[in-house]
PDB file of N, CA and C in Angstrom:
ATOM      1  N   MET A   1     102.125  56.889  76.448  1.00  0.00           N
ATOM      2  CA  MET A   1     100.972  56.998  77.303  1.00  0.00           C
ATOM      3  C   MET A   1     100.314  58.369  77.188  1.00  0.00           C
ATOM      4  N   ALA A   2     101.087  59.402  76.900  1.00  0.00           N
ATOM      5  CA  ALA A   2     100.540  60.745  76.811  1.00  0.00           C
ATOM      6  C   ALA A   2      99.752  60.950  75.527  1.00  0.00           C
ATOM      7  N   LEU A   3      99.991  60.135  74.513  1.00  0.00           N
ATOM      8  CA  LEU A   3      99.330  60.306  73.230  1.00  0.00           C
ATOM      9  C   LEU A   3      97.818  60.079  73.284  1.00  0.00           C
ATOM     10  N   PRO A   4      97.303  59.042  73.936  1.00  0.00           N
ATOM     11  CA  PRO A   4      95.838  58.899  74.012  1.00  0.00           C
ATOM     12  C   PRO A   4      95.170  60.060  74.761  1.00  0.00           C
ATOM     13  N   PHE A   5      95.840  60.566  75.774  1.00  0.00           N
ATOM     14  CA  PHE A   5      95.277  61.699  76.511  1.00  0.00           C
ATOM     15  C   PHE A   5      95.194  62.944  75.631  1.00  0.00           C
ATOM     16  N   ALA A   6      96.235  63.176  74.818  1.00  0.00           N
ATOM     17  CA  ALA A   6      96.232  64.332  73.914  1.00  0.00           C
ATOM     18  C   ALA A   6      95.120  64.196  72.877  1.00  0.00           C
ATOM     19  N   GLY A   7      94.900  63.006  72.371  1.00  0.00           N
ATOM     20  CA  GLY A   7      93.820  62.788  71.404  1.00  0.00           C
ATOM     21  C   GLY A   7      92.461  63.045  72.034  1.00  0.00           C
ATOM     22  N   TRP A   8      92.282  62.608  73.249  1.00  0.00           N
ATOM     23  CA  TRP A   8      91.018  62.833  73.953  1.00  0.00           C
ATOM     24  C   TRP A   8      90.804  64.326  74.213  1.00  0.00           C
ATOM     25  N   LEU A   9      91.886  64.998  74.581  1.00  0.00           N
ATOM     26  CA  LEU A   9      91.812  66.433  74.848  1.00  0.00           C
ATOM     27  C   LEU A   9      91.474  67.212  73.573  1.00  0.00           C
ATOM     28  N   LEU A  10      92.103  66.865  72.469  1.00  0.00           N
ATOM     29  CA  LEU A  10      91.811  67.524  71.204  1.00  0.00           C
ATOM     30  C   LEU A  10      90.392  67.227  70.730  1.00  0.00           C
ATOM     31  N   ALA A  11      89.928  66.016  70.942  1.00  0.00           N
ATOM     32  CA  ALA A  11      88.569  65.656  70.530  1.00  0.00           C
ATOM     33  C   ALA A  11      87.534  66.486  71.282  1.00  0.00           C
ATOM     34  N   GLY A  12      87.816  66.861  72.496  1.00  0.00           N
ATOM     35  CA  GLY A  12      86.896  67.695  73.255  1.00  0.00           C
ATOM     36  C   GLY A  12      87.059  69.174  72.971  1.00  0.00           C
ATOM     37  N   ALA A  13      88.264  69.588  72.607  1.00  0.00           N
ATOM     38  CA  ALA A  13      88.535  71.008  72.410  1.00  0.00           C
ATOM     39  C   ALA A  13      88.101  71.503  71.035  1.00  0.00           C
ATOM     40  N   ILE A  14      88.166  70.668  70.024  1.00  0.00           N
ATOM     41  CA  ILE A  14      87.840  71.112  68.663  1.00  0.00           C
ATOM     42  C   ILE A  14      86.402  71.605  68.544  1.00  0.00           C
ATOM     43  N   PRO A  15      85.387  70.905  69.062  1.00  0.00           N
ATOM     44  CA  PRO A  15      84.027  71.449  68.962  1.00  0.00           C
ATOM     45  C   PRO A  15      83.849  72.764  69.724  1.00  0.00           C
ATOM     46  N   LEU A  16      84.537  72.915  70.851  1.00  0.00           N
ATOM     47  CA  LEU A  16      84.443  74.169  71.604  1.00  0.00           C
ATOM     48  C   LEU A  16      85.056  75.329  70.829  1.00  0.00           C
ATOM     49  N   VAL A  17      86.206  75.102  70.222  1.00  0.00           N
ATOM     50  CA  VAL A  17      86.856  76.150  69.430  1.00  0.00           C
ATOM     51  C   VAL A  17      85.992  76.504  68.225  1.00  0.00           C
ATOM     52  N   LYS A  18      85.435  75.489  67.586  1.00  0.00           N
ATOM     53  CA  LYS A  18      84.572  75.710  66.422  1.00  0.00           C
ATOM     54  C   LYS A  18      83.357  76.554  66.804  1.00  0.00           C
ATOM     55  N   LYS A  19      82.737  76.231  67.921  1.00  0.00           N
ATOM     56  CA  LYS A  19      81.571  76.976  68.388  1.00  0.00           C
ATOM     57  C   LYS A  19      81.940  78.417  68.745  1.00  0.00           C
ATOM     58  N   ALA A  20      83.081  78.604  69.364  1.00  0.00           N
ATOM     59  CA  ALA A  20      83.521  79.955  69.730  1.00  0.00           C
ATOM     60  C   ALA A  20      83.791  80.801  68.489  1.00  0.00           C
ATOM     61  N   LEU A  21      84.441  80.225  67.497  1.00  0.00           N
ATOM     62  CA  LEU A  21      84.728  80.976  66.272  1.00  0.00           C
ATOM     63  C   LEU A  21      83.447  81.338  65.527  1.00  0.00           C
ATOM     64  N   ILE A  22      82.488  80.434  65.482  1.00  0.00           N
ATOM     65  CA  ILE A  22      81.203  80.735  64.848  1.00  0.00           C
ATOM     66  C   ILE A  22      80.496  81.844  65.616  1.00  0.00           C
ATOM     67  N   GLY A  23      80.515  81.771  66.936  1.00  0.00           N
ATOM     68  CA  GLY A  23      79.881  82.798  67.762  1.00  0.00           C
ATOM     69  C   GLY A  23      80.515  84.162  67.591  1.00  0.00           C
ATOM     70  N   ILE A  24      81.829  84.193  67.513  1.00  0.00           N
ATOM     71  CA  ILE A  24      82.517  85.471  67.319  1.00  0.00           C
ATOM     72  C   ILE A  24      82.158  86.057  65.969  1.00  0.00           C
ATOM     73  N   GLY A  25      82.107  85.219  64.943  1.00  0.00           N
ATOM     74  CA  GLY A  25      81.745  85.700  63.612  1.00  0.00           C
ATOM     75  C   GLY A  25      80.345  86.266  63.561  1.00  0.00           C
ATOM     76  N   ILE A  26      79.399  85.582  64.171  1.00  0.00           N
ATOM     77  CA  ILE A  26      78.018  86.062  64.200  1.00  0.00           C
ATOM     78  C   ILE A  26      77.925  87.342  65.014  1.00  0.00           C
ATOM     79  N   GLY A  27      78.646  87.412  66.114  1.00  0.00           N
ATOM     80  CA  GLY A  27      78.630  88.618  66.934  1.00  0.00           C
ATOM     81  C   GLY A  27      79.183  89.821  66.197  1.00  0.00           C
ATOM     82  N   VAL A  28      80.254  89.622  65.452  1.00  0.00           N
ATOM     83  CA  VAL A  28      80.853  90.727  64.704  1.00  0.00           C
ATOM     84  C   VAL A  28      79.913  91.195  63.608  1.00  0.00           C
ATOM     85  N   ILE A  29      79.304  90.251  62.901  1.00  0.00           N
ATOM     86  CA  ILE A  29      78.371  90.613  61.827  1.00  0.00           C
ATOM     87  C   ILE A  29      77.157  91.337  62.404  1.00  0.00           C
ATOM     88  N   THR A  30      76.611  90.865  63.491  1.00  0.00           N
ATOM     89  CA  THR A  30      75.460  91.510  64.116  1.00  0.00           C
ATOM     90  C   THR A  30      75.815  92.913  64.587  1.00  0.00           C
ATOM     91  N   TYR A  31      76.947  93.049  65.270  1.00  0.00           N
ATOM     92  CA  TYR A  31      77.368  94.355  65.780  1.00  0.00           C
ATOM     93  C   TYR A  31      77.592  95.333  64.635  1.00  0.00           C
ATOM     94  N   GLU A  32      78.264  94.884  63.597  1.00  0.00           N
ATOM     95  CA  GLU A  32      78.560  95.773  62.476  1.00  0.00           C
ATOM     96  C   GLU A  32      77.286  96.185  61.749  1.00  0.00           C
ATOM     97  N   GLY A  33      76.353  95.255  61.577  1.00  0.00           N
ATOM     98  CA  GLY A  33      75.093  95.591  60.918  1.00  0.00           C
ATOM     99  C   GLY A  33      74.272  96.597  61.710  1.00  0.00           C
ATOM    100  N   VAL A  34      74.177  96.400  63.003  1.00  0.00           N
ATOM    101  CA  VAL A  34      73.424  97.329  63.852  1.00  0.00           C
ATOM    102  C   VAL A  34      74.110  98.691  63.882  1.00  0.00           C
ATOM    103  N   THR A  35      75.429  98.696  63.942  1.00  0.00           N
ATOM    104  CA  THR A  35      76.165  99.958  63.947  1.00  0.00           C
ATOM    105  C   THR A  35      75.928 100.742  62.662  1.00  0.00           C
ATOM    106  N   GLN A  36      75.965 100.053  61.535  1.00  0.00           N
ATOM    107  CA  GLN A  36      75.730 100.725  60.257  1.00  0.00           C
ATOM    108  C   GLN A  36      74.308 101.275  60.178  1.00  0.00           C
ATOM    109  N   ALA A  37      73.333 100.500  60.626  1.00  0.00           N
ATOM    110  CA  ALA A  37      71.939 100.954  60.586  1.00  0.00           C
ATOM    111  C   ALA A  37      71.720 102.167  61.497  1.00  0.00           C
ATOM    112  N   LEU A  38      72.290 102.143  62.690  1.00  0.00           N
ATOM    113  CA  LEU A  38      72.134 103.270  63.608  1.00  0.00           C
ATOM    114  C   LEU A  38      72.847 104.516  63.099  1.00  0.00           C
ATOM    115  N   ASN A  39      74.012 104.332  62.504  1.00  0.00           N
ATOM    116  CA  ASN A  39      74.719 105.482  61.925  1.00  0.00           C
ATOM    117  C   ASN A  39      73.922 106.096  60.785  1.00  0.00           C
ATOM    118  N   TYR A  40      73.308 105.257  59.970  1.00  0.00           N
ATOM    119  CA  TYR A  40      72.486 105.758  58.867  1.00  0.00           C
ATOM    120  C   TYR A  40      71.284 106.546  59.406  1.00  0.00           C
ATOM    121  N   ALA A  41      70.616 105.993  60.407  1.00  0.00           N
ATOM    122  CA  ALA A  41      69.454 106.677  60.991  1.00  0.00           C
ATOM    123  C   ALA A  41      69.866 108.016  61.602  1.00  0.00           C
ATOM    124  N   ARG A  42      70.982 108.029  62.321  1.00  0.00           N
ATOM    125  CA  ARG A  42      71.461 109.269  62.922  1.00  0.00           C
ATOM    126  C   ARG A  42      71.803 110.302  61.857  1.00  0.00           C
ATOM    127  N   ASP A  43      72.476 109.864  60.806  1.00  0.00           N
ATOM    128  CA  ASP A  43      72.840 110.794  59.727  1.00  0.00           C
ATOM    129  C   ASP A  43      71.606 111.374  59.046  1.00  0.00           C
ATOM    130  N   GLN A  44      70.574 110.560  58.884  1.00  0.00           N
ATOM    131  CA  GLN A  44      69.350 111.051  58.261  1.00  0.00           C
ATOM    132  C   GLN A  44      68.650 112.085  59.143  1.00  0.00           C
ATOM    133  N   VAL A  45      68.625 111.836  60.446  1.00  0.00           N
ATOM    134  CA  VAL A  45      67.987 112.793  61.353  1.00  0.00           C
ATOM    135  C   VAL A  45      68.776 114.094  61.400  1.00  0.00           C
ATOM    136  N   VAL A  46      70.091 114.006  61.428  1.00  0.00           N
ATOM    137  CA  VAL A  46      70.918 115.217  61.459  1.00  0.00           C
ATOM    138  C   VAL A  46      70.735 116.015  60.171  1.00  0.00           C
ATOM    139  N   ALA A  47      70.677 115.324  59.035  1.00  0.00           N
ATOM    140  CA  ALA A  47      70.469 116.018  57.761  1.00  0.00           C
ATOM    141  C   ALA A  47      69.086 116.672  57.720  1.00  0.00           C
ATOM    142  N   SER A  48      68.079 115.985  58.226  1.00  0.00           N
ATOM    143  CA  SER A  48      66.729 116.540  58.241  1.00  0.00           C
ATOM    144  C   SER A  48      66.600 117.678  59.250  1.00  0.00           C
ATOM    145  N   TRP A  49      67.362 117.608  60.325  1.00  0.00           N
ATOM    146  CA  TRP A  49      67.326 118.650  61.354  1.00  0.00           C
ATOM    147  C   TRP A  49      67.720 120.002  60.764  1.00  0.00           C
ATOM    148  N   GLY A  50      68.696 119.986  59.852  1.00  0.00           N
ATOM    149  CA  GLY A  50      69.139 121.223  59.236  1.00  0.00           C
ATOM    150  C   GLY A  50      68.105 121.827  58.290  1.00  0.00           C
ATOM    151  N   LEU A  51      67.148 121.037  57.836  1.00  0.00           N
ATOM    152  CA  LEU A  51      66.117 121.536  56.928  1.00  0.00           C
ATOM    153  C   LEU A  51      64.931 122.163  57.658  1.00  0.00           C
ATOM    154  N   LEU A  52      64.866 121.969  58.966  1.00  0.00           N
ATOM    155  CA  LEU A  52      63.745 122.517  59.729  1.00  0.00           C
ATOM    156  C   LEU A  52      63.853 124.034  59.856  1.00  0.00           C
ATOM    157  N   PRO A  53      62.720 124.706  59.882  1.00  0.00           N
ATOM    158  CA  PRO A  53      62.765 126.149  60.172  1.00  0.00           C
ATOM    159  C   PRO A  53      63.313 126.382  61.589  1.00  0.00           C
ATOM    160  N   GLY A  54      63.901 127.536  61.796  1.00  0.00           N
ATOM    161  CA  GLY A  54      64.546 127.832  63.072  1.00  0.00           C
ATOM    162  C   GLY A  54      63.627 127.710  64.266  1.00  0.00           C
ATOM    163  N   ASN A  55      62.376 128.200  64.146  1.00  0.00           N
ATOM    164  CA  ASN A  55      61.436 128.141  65.271  1.00  0.00           C
ATOM    165  C   ASN A  55      61.115 126.701  65.648  1.00  0.00           C
ATOM    166  N   VAL A  56      60.908 125.860  64.644  1.00  0.00           N
ATOM    167  CA  VAL A  56      60.563 124.455  64.911  1.00  0.00           C
ATOM    168  C   VAL A  56      61.746 123.749  65.572  1.00  0.00           C
ATOM    169  N   ALA A  57      62.944 124.008  65.084  1.00  0.00           N
ATOM    170  CA  ALA A  57      64.137 123.389  65.670  1.00  0.00           C
ATOM    171  C   ALA A  57      64.312 123.822  67.127  1.00  0.00           C
ATOM    172  N   GLN A  58      64.028 125.084  67.414  1.00  0.00           N
ATOM    173  CA  GLN A  58      64.153 125.572  68.790  1.00  0.00           C
ATOM    174  C   GLN A  58      63.125 124.917  69.698  1.00  0.00           C
ATOM    175  N   VAL A  59      61.896 124.770  69.221  1.00  0.00           N
ATOM    176  CA  VAL A  59      60.855 124.137  70.051  1.00  0.00           C
ATOM    177  C   VAL A  59      61.197 122.677  70.307  1.00  0.00           C
ATOM    178  N   LEU A  60      61.651 121.975  69.267  1.00  0.00           N
ATOM    179  CA  LEU A  60      62.037 120.569  69.459  1.00  0.00           C
ATOM    180  C   LEU A  60      63.217 120.451  70.426  1.00  0.00           C
ATOM    181  N   ALA A  61      64.154 121.386  70.351  1.00  0.00           N
ATOM    182  CA  ALA A  61      65.285 121.375  71.281  1.00  0.00           C
ATOM    183  C   ALA A  61      64.808 121.643  72.712  1.00  0.00           C
ATOM    184  N   LEU A  62      63.807 122.529  72.864  1.00  0.00           N
ATOM    185  CA  LEU A  62      63.259 122.778  74.199  1.00  0.00           C
ATOM    186  C   LEU A  62      62.572 121.546  74.767  1.00  0.00           C
ATOM    187  N   PHE A  63      61.912 120.777  73.904  1.00  0.00           N
ATOM    188  CA  PHE A  63      61.242 119.556  74.342  1.00  0.00           C
ATOM    189  C   PHE A  63      62.221 118.416  74.593  1.00  0.00           C
ATOM    190  N   GLY A  64      63.485 118.612  74.237  1.00  0.00           N
ATOM    191  CA  GLY A  64      64.488 117.583  74.498  1.00  0.00           C
ATOM    192  C   GLY A  64      64.572 116.518  73.428  1.00  0.00           C
ATOM    193  N   PHE A  65      64.267 116.891  72.187  1.00  0.00           N
ATOM    194  CA  PHE A  65      64.305 115.901  71.117  1.00  0.00           C
ATOM    195  C   PHE A  65      65.703 115.325  70.929  1.00  0.00           C
ATOM    196  N   ASN A  66      66.729 116.150  71.088  1.00  0.00           N
ATOM    197  CA  ASN A  66      68.105 115.665  70.928  1.00  0.00           C
ATOM    198  C   ASN A  66      68.410 114.527  71.907  1.00  0.00           C
ATOM    199  N   GLU A  67      68.056 114.739  73.161  1.00  0.00           N
ATOM    200  CA  GLU A  67      68.287 113.716  74.174  1.00  0.00           C
ATOM    201  C   GLU A  67      67.418 112.486  73.914  1.00  0.00           C
ATOM    202  N   PHE A  68      66.168 112.731  73.526  1.00  0.00           N
ATOM    203  CA  PHE A  68      65.258 111.629  73.229  1.00  0.00           C
ATOM    204  C   PHE A  68      65.824 110.733  72.134  1.00  0.00           C
ATOM    205  N   PHE A  69      66.295 111.335  71.063  1.00  0.00           N
ATOM    206  CA  PHE A  69      66.810 110.546  69.952  1.00  0.00           C
ATOM    207  C   PHE A  69      68.060 109.772  70.361  1.00  0.00           C
ATOM    208  N   GLY A  70      68.928 110.389  71.156  1.00  0.00           N
ATOM    209  CA  GLY A  70      70.110 109.684  71.644  1.00  0.00           C
ATOM    210  C   GLY A  70      69.751 108.507  72.533  1.00  0.00           C
ATOM    211  N   ILE A  71      68.744 108.681  73.379  1.00  0.00           N
ATOM    212  CA  ILE A  71      68.306 107.597  74.262  1.00  0.00           C
ATOM    213  C   ILE A  71      67.702 106.459  73.451  1.00  0.00           C
ATOM    214  N   VAL A  72      66.898 106.794  72.448  1.00  0.00           N
ATOM    215  CA  VAL A  72      66.280 105.753  71.614  1.00  0.00           C
ATOM    216  C   VAL A  72      67.357 104.964  70.864  1.00  0.00           C
ATOM    217  N   LEU A  73      68.333 105.651  70.266  1.00  0.00           N
ATOM    218  CA  LEU A  73      69.402 104.939  69.564  1.00  0.00           C
ATOM    219  C   LEU A  73      70.216 104.070  70.526  1.00  0.00           C
ATOM    220  N   GLY A  74      70.469 104.569  71.724  1.00  0.00           N
ATOM    221  CA  GLY A  74      71.180 103.770  72.714  1.00  0.00           C
ATOM    222  C   GLY A  74      70.395 102.540  73.143  1.00  0.00           C
ATOM    223  N   ALA A  75      69.074 102.697  73.271  1.00  0.00           N
ATOM    224  CA  ALA A  75      68.230 101.560  73.648  1.00  0.00           C
ATOM    225  C   ALA A  75      68.216 100.506  72.554  1.00  0.00           C
ATOM    226  N   ILE A  76      68.157 100.946  71.308  1.00  0.00           N
ATOM    227  CA  ILE A  76      68.168  99.984  70.191  1.00  0.00           C
ATOM    228  C   ILE A  76      69.497  99.234  70.162  1.00  0.00           C
ATOM    229  N   ALA A  77      70.590  99.952  70.363  1.00  0.00           N
ATOM    230  CA  ALA A  77      71.908  99.307  70.375  1.00  0.00           C
ATOM    231  C   ALA A  77      72.023  98.314  71.527  1.00  0.00           C
ATOM    232  N   ALA A  78      71.521  98.687  72.703  1.00  0.00           N
ATOM    233  CA  ALA A  78      71.573  97.788  73.856  1.00  0.00           C
ATOM    234  C   ALA A  78      70.719  96.548  73.626  1.00  0.00           C
ATOM    235  N   ARG A  79      69.534  96.732  73.046  1.00  0.00           N
ATOM    236  CA  ARG A  79      68.655  95.587  72.767  1.00  0.00           C
ATOM    237  C   ARG A  79      69.306  94.629  71.777  1.00  0.00           C
ATOM    238  N   ALA A  80      69.944  95.185  70.757  1.00  0.00           N
ATOM    239  CA  ALA A  80      70.625  94.337  69.776  1.00  0.00           C
ATOM    240  C   ALA A  80      71.775  93.570  70.427  1.00  0.00           C
ATOM    241  N   ALA A  81      72.498  94.226  71.325  1.00  0.00           N
ATOM    242  CA  ALA A  81      73.598  93.551  72.015  1.00  0.00           C
ATOM    243  C   ALA A  81      73.081  92.440  72.915  1.00  0.00           C
ATOM    244  N   PHE A  82      71.993  92.701  73.654  1.00  0.00           N
ATOM    245  CA  PHE A  82      71.420  91.658  74.512  1.00  0.00           C
ATOM    246  C   PHE A  82      70.887  90.494  73.702  1.00  0.00           C
ATOM    247  N   THR A  83      70.283  90.774  72.557  1.00  0.00           N
ATOM    248  CA  THR A  83      69.772  89.712  71.703  1.00  0.00           C
ATOM    249  C   THR A  83      70.914  88.862  71.162  1.00  0.00           C
ATOM    250  N   ALA A  84      71.997  89.511  70.748  1.00  0.00           N
ATOM    251  CA  ALA A  84      73.154  88.765  70.242  1.00  0.00           C
ATOM    252  C   ALA A  84      73.755  87.889  71.327  1.00  0.00           C
ATOM    253  N   VAL A  85      73.831  88.397  72.545  1.00  0.00           N
ATOM    254  CA  VAL A  85      74.387  87.623  73.648  1.00  0.00           C
ATOM    255  C   VAL A  85      73.461  86.462  74.000  1.00  0.00           C
ATOM    256  N   ALA A  86      72.151  86.675  73.956  1.00  0.00           N
ATOM    257  CA  ALA A  86      71.212  85.597  74.279  1.00  0.00           C
ATOM    258  C   ALA A  86      71.276  84.480  73.251  1.00  0.00           C
ATOM    259  N   ARG A  87      71.487  84.818  72.005  1.00  0.00           N
ATOM    260  CA  ARG A  87      71.569  83.803  70.955  1.00  0.00           C
ATOM    261  C   ARG A  87      72.926  83.127  70.926  1.00  0.00           C
ATOM    262  N   PHE A  88      73.880  83.682  71.621  1.00  0.00           N
ATOM    263  CA  PHE A  88      75.237  83.163  71.614  1.00  0.00           C
ATOM    264  C   PHE A  88      75.279  81.715  72.101  1.00  0.00           C
ATOM    265  N   GLY A  89      74.475  81.385  73.094  1.00  0.00           N
ATOM    266  CA  GLY A  89      74.488  80.026  73.642  1.00  0.00           C
ATOM    267  C   GLY A  89      73.691  79.036  72.816  1.00  0.00           C
ATOM    268  N   ARG A  90      72.874  79.501  71.876  1.00  0.00           N
ATOM    269  CA  ARG A  90      72.039  78.609  71.084  1.00  0.00           C
ATOM    270  C   ARG A  90      72.670  78.190  69.756  1.00  0.00           C
ATOM    271  N   ILE A  91      73.891  78.589  69.520  1.00  0.00           N
ATOM    272  CA  ILE A  91      74.541  78.261  68.257  1.00  0.00           C
ATOM    273  C   ILE A  91      74.909  76.783  68.247  1.00  0.00           C
ATOM    274  N   THR A  92      74.546  76.111  67.178  1.00  0.00           N
ATOM    275  CA  THR A  92      74.922  74.701  67.041  1.00  0.00           C
ATOM    276  C   THR A  92      75.878  74.566  65.877  1.00  0.00           C
ATOM    277  N   SER A  93      76.797  73.677  66.004  1.00  0.00           N
ATOM    278  CA  SER A  93      77.786  73.517  64.923  1.00  0.00           C
ATOM    279  C   SER A  93      77.492  72.321  64.064  1.00  0.00           C
TER     280      SER A  93
END
């Protein structure tokens, strides 16, 4: 008697597990891609920062460019995370 119930339970669980695994894979790929892109952008800005003349770097630091750039990168990362989470429910198997 327990065998038909187990078959019914497995028939319902397999699509859920499949959807979860696909979602995790897409989430990992999205997170890793955004992380790599943001790291590249940060590295480029840091490398370019060292090429600036001292006076220009000081003025930009007074205007808060360092904080501005950190906030922008954080906003991009947050937007990418929200987009990935919003698409999480739309995955079809």
